[in-house]
C-alpha atoms as a PDB file:
ATOM      1  CA  UNK A   1     -33.630  -1.245  -1.575  1.00  0.00           C
ATOM      2  CA  UNK A   2     -31.229   1.352   0.135  1.00  0.00           C
ATOM      3  CA  UNK A   3     -30.339  -1.828   2.712  1.00  0.00           C
ATOM      4  CA  UNK A   4     -28.683  -3.456  -0.399  1.00  0.00           C
ATOM      5  CA  UNK A   5     -26.413  -0.153  -1.018  1.00  0.00           C
ATOM      6  CA  UNK A   6     -25.755  -0.163   2.907  1.00  0.00           C
ATOM      7  CA  UNK A   7     -24.601  -4.094   2.691  1.00  0.00           C
ATOM      8  CA  UNK A   8     -22.503  -3.380  -0.249  1.00  0.00           C
ATOM      9  CA  UNK A   9     -20.868  -0.509   1.371  1.00  0.00           C
ATOM     10  CA  UNK A  10     -19.992  -2.270   4.554  1.00  0.00           C
ATOM     11  CA  UNK A  11     -18.599  -5.296   3.517  1.00  0.00           C
ATOM     12  CA  UNK A  12     -14.813  -5.246   4.041  1.00  0.00           C
ATOM     13  CA  UNK A  13     -13.750  -8.206   1.834  1.00  0.00           C
ATOM     14  CA  UNK A  14     -12.490  -5.765  -1.054  1.00  0.00           C
ATOM     15  CA  UNK A  15      -9.288  -4.299  -0.904  1.00  0.00           C
ATOM     16  CA  UNK A  16      -9.544  -0.640  -2.131  1.00  0.00           C
ATOM     17  CA  UNK A  17      -7.088   0.015  -5.145  1.00  0.00           C
ATOM     18  CA  UNK A  18      -3.769   0.851  -3.557  1.00  0.00           C
ATOM     19  CA  UNK A  19      -0.531   1.160  -5.097  1.00  0.00           C
ATOM     20  CA  UNK A  20       3.015   0.899  -3.657  1.00  0.00           C
ATOM     21  CA  UNK A  21       3.702   4.755  -3.963  1.00  0.00           C
ATOM     22  CA  UNK A  22       0.401   5.261  -2.464  1.00  0.00           C
ATOM     23  CA  UNK A  23       1.422   2.908   0.426  1.00  0.00           C
ATOM     24  CA  UNK A  24       3.923   4.443   1.191  1.00  0.00           C
ATOM     25  CA  UNK A  25       2.603   7.959   1.730  1.00  0.00           C
ATOM     26  CA  UNK A  26       0.050   6.377   3.650  1.00  0.00           C
ATOM     27  CA  UNK A  27       2.623   4.539   6.034  1.00  0.00           C
ATOM     28  CA  UNK A  28       4.071   7.641   6.440  1.00  0.00           C
ATOM     29  CA  UNK A  29       7.378   6.105   4.922  1.00  0.00           C
ATOM     30  CA  UNK A  30       7.884   8.957   3.044  1.00  0.00           C
ATOM     31  CA  UNK A  31       6.768  12.547   2.712  1.00  0.00           C
ATOM     32  CA  UNK A  32       5.415  12.987  -0.815  1.00  0.00           C
ATOM     33  CA  UNK A  33       4.381  11.187  -3.877  1.00  0.00           C
ATOM     34  CA  UNK A  34       7.609  12.566  -5.817  1.00  0.00           C
ATOM     35  CA  UNK A  35       9.918  11.065  -2.966  1.00  0.00           C
ATOM     36  CA  UNK A  36       8.094   7.669  -3.307  1.00  0.00           C
ATOM     37  CA  UNK A  37       8.789   7.892  -6.630  1.00  0.00           C
ATOM     38  CA  UNK A  38      12.624   8.611  -6.593  1.00  0.00           C
ATOM     39  CA  UNK A  39      13.241   5.727  -3.630  1.00  0.00           C
ATOM     40  CA  UNK A  40      11.108   2.954  -5.504  1.00  0.00           C
ATOM     41  CA  UNK A  41      12.965   3.669  -8.874  1.00  0.00           C
ATOM     42  CA  UNK A  42      16.443   3.663  -6.971  1.00  0.00           C
ATOM     43  CA  UNK A  43      15.513   0.151  -5.847  1.00  0.00           C
ATOM     44  CA  UNK A  44      15.233   1.019  -2.367  1.00  0.00           C
ATOM     45  CA  UNK A  45      11.908  -0.301  -1.454  1.00  0.00           C
ATOM     46  CA  UNK A  46      10.817  -4.289  -1.078  1.00  0.00           C
ATOM     47  CA  UNK A  47       7.525  -5.929  -1.457  1.00  0.00           C
ATOM     48  CA  UNK A  48       7.383  -9.199   0.045  1.00  0.00           C
ATOM     49  CA  UNK A  49      11.245  -9.332   0.451  1.00  0.00           C
ATOM     50  CA  UNK A  50      11.641  -8.507  -3.366  1.00  0.00           C
ATOM     51  CA  UNK A  51      13.125  -5.516  -4.625  1.00  0.00           C
ATOM     52  CA  UNK A  52      10.130  -3.617  -6.531  1.00  0.00           C
ATOM     53  CA  UNK A  53      10.989  -0.357  -8.772  1.00  0.00           C
ATOM     54  CA  UNK A  54       7.049  -0.340 -10.435  1.00  0.00           C
ATOM     55  CA  UNK A  55       5.358   2.755  -8.222  1.00  0.00           C
ATOM     56  CA  UNK A  56       2.452   1.632  -9.813  1.00  0.00           C
ATOM     57  CA  UNK A  57       2.631  -2.083  -8.247  1.00  0.00           C
ATOM     58  CA  UNK A  58      -0.907  -3.477  -6.707  1.00  0.00           C
ATOM     59  CA  UNK A  59      -0.642  -4.375  -3.204  1.00  0.00           C
ATOM     60  CA  UNK A  60      -3.101  -7.010  -1.988  1.00  0.00           C
ATOM     61  CA  UNK A  61      -3.836  -7.840   1.876  1.00  0.00           C
ATOM     62  CA  UNK A  62      -0.886  -9.701   3.299  1.00  0.00           C
ATOM     63  CA  UNK A  63       1.564  -8.319   1.676  1.00  0.00           C
ATOM     64  CA  UNK A  64       4.560  -6.715   3.363  1.00  0.00           C
ATOM     65  CA  UNK A  65       6.787  -3.592   2.129  1.00  0.00           C
ATOM     66  CA  UNK A  66      10.210  -2.547   3.365  1.00  0.00           C
ATOM     67  CA  UNK A  67      11.702   0.548   3.203  1.00  0.00           C
ATOM     68  CA  UNK A  68      14.695   1.936   5.349  1.00  0.00           C
ATOM     69  CA  UNK A  69      14.704  -0.939   7.670  1.00  0.00           C
ATOM     70  CA  UNK A  70      10.991  -0.504   8.265  1.00  0.00           C
ATOM     71  CA  UNK A  71       8.520  -3.482   7.377  1.00  0.00           C
ATOM     72  CA  UNK A  72       4.809  -2.520   7.314  1.00  0.00           C
ATOM     73  CA  UNK A  73       1.747  -4.810   6.120  1.00  0.00           C
ATOM     74  CA  UNK A  74      -0.450  -3.685   4.228  1.00  0.00           C
ATOM     75  CA  UNK A  75      -2.834  -5.018   6.819  1.00  0.00           C
ATOM     76  CA  UNK A  76      -1.528  -2.649   9.452  1.00  0.00           C
ATOM     77  CA  UNK A  77      -2.034   0.441   7.035  1.00  0.00           C
ATOM     78  CA  UNK A  78      -5.620  -0.425   6.312  1.00  0.00           C
ATOM     79  CA  UNK A  79      -6.814  -1.153   9.953  1.00  0.00           C
ATOM     80  CA  UNK A  80      -5.179   2.545  11.101  1.00  0.00           C
END
């Protein structure tokens, strides 16, 4: 029975729930959640080339986020 649980835990196919505000912090693009909220609301962040103003925007594998001229993919952050 425990092997089933271990198998489920090791399966990398599922992306943990990742929102834009969290991503900006994980990628070290901002220093805090408050800063993330501000830059997103000001329209300074783009997801896949489109301006995004929703801090709770869900991100998926293959998505890219651009802020202050830096573009980082979700995959890069998840691999770190």
